[in-house]
């Protein structure tokens, strides 16, 4: 069974106002120009270090591994 297509009604917001709102929102967004120094991916706008989220997580994971005490392997 297929649904019947709903008839298109009048838009709630006129297209002119919708376009103006889209332009205002896009103007408020910060531009992404910084690249990750490791992989070249996009970095977040508020970041203090030039790393993308993946490389930042890998760095944090590596720090956690270093901080854990090394247990010598049992023979």
N, C-alpha and C. Protein backbone atom coordinates (compact mmCIF):
# COMPACT_ATOMS: atom_id res chain seq x y z
N UNK A 1 0.83 -1.18 0.00
CA UNK A 1 0.00 0.00 0.00
C UNK A 1 0.87 1.25 0.00
N UNK A 2 0.50 2.17 -0.79
CA UNK A 2 1.21 3.44 -0.85
C UNK A 2 0.34 4.53 -0.24
N UNK A 3 1.02 5.49 0.38
CA UNK A 3 0.29 6.64 0.91
C UNK A 3 -0.08 7.58 -0.22
N UNK A 4 -1.16 8.23 -0.03
CA UNK A 4 -1.53 9.24 -1.01
C UNK A 4 -0.65 10.47 -0.80
N UNK A 5 -0.19 11.08 -1.86
CA UNK A 5 0.61 12.29 -1.69
C UNK A 5 -0.25 13.41 -1.11
N UNK A 6 0.32 14.11 -0.13
CA UNK A 6 -0.38 15.22 0.49
C UNK A 6 -0.30 16.43 -0.42
N UNK A 7 -1.39 17.14 -0.59
CA UNK A 7 -1.34 18.34 -1.43
C UNK A 7 -0.48 19.41 -0.76
N UNK A 8 0.32 20.07 -1.58
CA UNK A 8 1.19 21.14 -1.07
C UNK A 8 0.32 22.34 -0.71
N UNK A 9 0.49 22.80 0.52
CA UNK A 9 -0.25 23.96 0.97
C UNK A 9 0.59 25.21 0.84
N UNK A 10 0.05 26.30 1.28
CA UNK A 10 0.80 27.55 1.28
C UNK A 10 1.91 27.46 2.31
N UNK A 11 3.10 27.96 2.00
CA UNK A 11 4.18 27.92 2.99
C UNK A 11 3.84 28.82 4.18
N UNK A 12 4.25 28.39 5.36
CA UNK A 12 3.97 29.15 6.57
C UNK A 12 4.78 30.44 6.58
N UNK A 13 6.04 30.34 6.16
CA UNK A 13 6.93 31.51 6.12
C UNK A 13 7.17 31.85 4.65
N UNK A 14 7.00 33.11 4.29
CA UNK A 14 7.26 33.49 2.90
C UNK A 14 8.71 33.22 2.52
N UNK A 15 8.97 32.82 1.28
CA UNK A 15 10.33 32.49 0.86
C UNK A 15 11.33 33.64 1.03
N UNK A 16 10.89 34.89 0.89
CA UNK A 16 11.80 36.03 1.04
C UNK A 16 12.33 36.11 2.47
N UNK A 17 11.45 35.94 3.43
CA UNK A 17 11.85 36.00 4.84
C UNK A 17 12.74 34.80 5.18
N UNK A 18 12.45 33.65 4.62
CA UNK A 18 13.25 32.46 4.86
C UNK A 18 14.67 32.66 4.33
N UNK A 19 14.83 33.24 3.15
CA UNK A 19 16.16 33.49 2.59
C UNK A 19 16.94 34.50 3.44
N UNK A 20 16.26 35.54 3.92
CA UNK A 20 16.93 36.53 4.77
C UNK A 20 17.42 35.87 6.06
N UNK A 21 16.62 35.00 6.64
CA UNK A 21 17.00 34.32 7.88
C UNK A 21 18.20 33.42 7.64
N UNK A 22 18.22 32.71 6.53
CA UNK A 22 19.36 31.84 6.21
C UNK A 22 20.64 32.65 6.04
N UNK A 23 20.55 33.80 5.40
CA UNK A 23 21.73 34.66 5.22
C UNK A 23 22.23 35.18 6.56
N UNK A 24 21.34 35.57 7.45
CA UNK A 24 21.74 36.07 8.76
C UNK A 24 22.42 34.99 9.59
N UNK A 25 21.88 33.78 9.53
CA UNK A 25 22.46 32.68 10.30
C UNK A 25 23.84 32.32 9.75
N UNK A 26 23.99 32.27 8.45
CA UNK A 26 25.29 31.91 7.87
C UNK A 26 26.34 33.00 8.14
N UNK A 27 25.92 34.25 8.29
CA UNK A 27 26.87 35.33 8.57
C UNK A 27 27.37 35.25 10.01
N UNK A 28 26.55 34.72 10.93
CA UNK A 28 26.93 34.62 12.34
C UNK A 28 27.89 33.48 12.61
N UNK A 29 27.94 32.49 11.76
CA UNK A 29 28.80 31.33 11.99
C UNK A 29 30.26 31.68 11.72
N UNK A 30 31.17 31.20 12.58
CA UNK A 30 32.59 31.46 12.32
C UNK A 30 33.07 30.65 11.11
N UNK A 31 34.00 31.19 10.40
CA UNK A 31 34.54 30.53 9.22
C UNK A 31 35.56 29.48 9.64
N UNK A 32 35.52 28.31 9.01
CA UNK A 32 36.46 27.22 9.29
C UNK A 32 37.65 27.36 8.34
N UNK A 33 38.73 27.94 8.83
CA UNK A 33 39.90 28.09 7.98
C UNK A 33 41.08 27.31 8.52
N UNK A 34 41.05 26.95 9.81
CA UNK A 34 42.18 26.25 10.40
C UNK A 34 42.14 24.77 10.04
N UNK A 35 43.31 24.22 9.79
CA UNK A 35 43.44 22.80 9.47
C UNK A 35 44.21 22.11 10.57
N UNK A 36 43.95 20.83 10.76
CA UNK A 36 44.64 20.03 11.76
C UNK A 36 46.11 19.89 11.35
N UNK A 37 46.99 20.05 12.33
CA UNK A 37 48.41 19.97 12.01
C UNK A 37 48.89 18.53 11.81
N UNK A 38 48.06 17.55 12.18
CA UNK A 38 48.44 16.15 12.02
C UNK A 38 47.86 15.56 10.74
N UNK A 39 46.52 15.65 10.59
CA UNK A 39 45.88 14.97 9.46
C UNK A 39 45.33 15.92 8.40
N UNK A 40 45.25 17.21 8.70
CA UNK A 40 44.73 18.16 7.72
C UNK A 40 43.23 18.34 7.77
N UNK A 41 42.55 17.73 8.74
CA UNK A 41 41.11 17.87 8.87
C UNK A 41 40.74 19.23 9.44
N UNK A 42 39.43 19.49 9.52
CA UNK A 42 38.96 20.77 10.04
C UNK A 42 39.07 20.79 11.56
N UNK A 43 39.49 21.93 12.10
CA UNK A 43 39.56 22.10 13.54
C UNK A 43 38.35 22.89 14.01
N UNK A 44 38.03 22.78 15.30
CA UNK A 44 36.90 23.53 15.83
C UNK A 44 37.32 24.99 16.00
N UNK A 45 36.34 25.87 15.95
CA UNK A 45 36.62 27.30 15.95
C UNK A 45 37.20 27.78 17.27
N UNK A 46 36.76 27.24 18.41
CA UNK A 46 37.22 27.70 19.70
C UNK A 46 38.42 26.96 20.22
N UNK A 47 39.04 26.14 19.44
CA UNK A 47 40.15 25.31 19.89
C UNK A 47 41.42 26.15 20.04
N UNK A 48 42.18 25.83 21.10
CA UNK A 48 43.45 26.53 21.32
C UNK A 48 44.61 25.82 20.65
N UNK A 49 44.43 24.58 20.27
CA UNK A 49 45.49 23.82 19.61
C UNK A 49 45.04 23.42 18.22
N UNK A 50 45.93 23.35 17.27
CA UNK A 50 45.55 23.07 15.88
C UNK A 50 45.33 21.58 15.62
N UNK A 51 44.38 20.96 16.34
CA UNK A 51 44.07 19.55 16.15
C UNK A 51 42.59 19.37 15.90
N UNK A 52 42.25 18.43 15.03
CA UNK A 52 40.85 18.09 14.83
C UNK A 52 40.40 17.25 16.03
N UNK A 53 39.12 16.94 16.10
CA UNK A 53 38.61 16.24 17.28
C UNK A 53 39.18 14.82 17.37
N UNK A 54 39.44 14.17 16.24
CA UNK A 54 39.98 12.80 16.26
C UNK A 54 41.40 12.81 16.82
N UNK A 55 42.24 13.70 16.30
CA UNK A 55 43.63 13.76 16.76
C UNK A 55 43.70 14.20 18.22
N UNK A 56 42.79 15.08 18.64
CA UNK A 56 42.77 15.51 20.03
C UNK A 56 42.42 14.34 20.95
N UNK A 57 41.47 13.50 20.54
CA UNK A 57 41.10 12.31 21.34
C UNK A 57 42.24 11.32 21.40
N UNK A 58 42.94 11.13 20.29
CA UNK A 58 44.09 10.23 20.28
C UNK A 58 45.19 10.73 21.21
N UNK A 59 45.39 12.03 21.22
CA UNK A 59 46.40 12.63 22.10
C UNK A 59 46.02 12.41 23.57
N UNK A 60 44.76 12.62 23.90
CA UNK A 60 44.30 12.42 25.28
C UNK A 60 44.44 10.95 25.67
N UNK A 61 44.11 10.04 24.77
CA UNK A 61 44.25 8.61 25.06
C UNK A 61 45.71 8.24 25.29
N UNK A 62 46.59 8.81 24.50
CA UNK A 62 48.02 8.52 24.66
C UNK A 62 48.52 9.03 26.00
N UNK A 63 48.05 10.21 26.43
CA UNK A 63 48.44 10.74 27.73
C UNK A 63 47.98 9.82 28.85
N UNK A 64 46.75 9.31 28.72
CA UNK A 64 46.21 8.42 29.76
C UNK A 64 47.04 7.14 29.85
N UNK A 65 47.47 6.62 28.71
CA UNK A 65 48.28 5.40 28.72
C UNK A 65 49.64 5.65 29.36
N UNK A 66 50.22 6.82 29.13
CA UNK A 66 51.52 7.15 29.71
C UNK A 66 51.41 7.32 31.22
N UNK A 67 50.31 7.91 31.68
CA UNK A 67 50.14 8.17 33.10
C UNK A 67 49.90 6.89 33.91
N UNK A 68 49.38 5.86 33.28
CA UNK A 68 49.13 4.61 34.02
C UNK A 68 50.47 3.94 34.31
N UNK A 69 50.61 3.38 35.53
CA UNK A 69 51.88 2.70 35.84
C UNK A 69 52.06 1.47 34.96
N UNK A 70 53.27 1.31 34.50
CA UNK A 70 53.59 0.16 33.63
C UNK A 70 53.78 -1.07 34.50
N UNK A 71 53.04 -2.10 34.21
CA UNK A 71 53.16 -3.37 34.94
C UNK A 71 54.07 -4.27 34.12
N UNK A 72 55.17 -4.76 34.73
CA UNK A 72 56.05 -5.64 33.97
C UNK A 72 55.34 -6.94 33.60
N UNK A 73 55.65 -7.42 32.44
CA UNK A 73 55.03 -8.66 31.96
C UNK A 73 55.56 -9.86 32.77
N UNK A 74 54.64 -10.74 33.14
CA UNK A 74 55.01 -11.93 33.88
C UNK A 74 55.49 -13.00 32.91
N UNK A 75 56.58 -13.66 33.24
CA UNK A 75 57.09 -14.70 32.35
C UNK A 75 56.59 -16.06 32.76
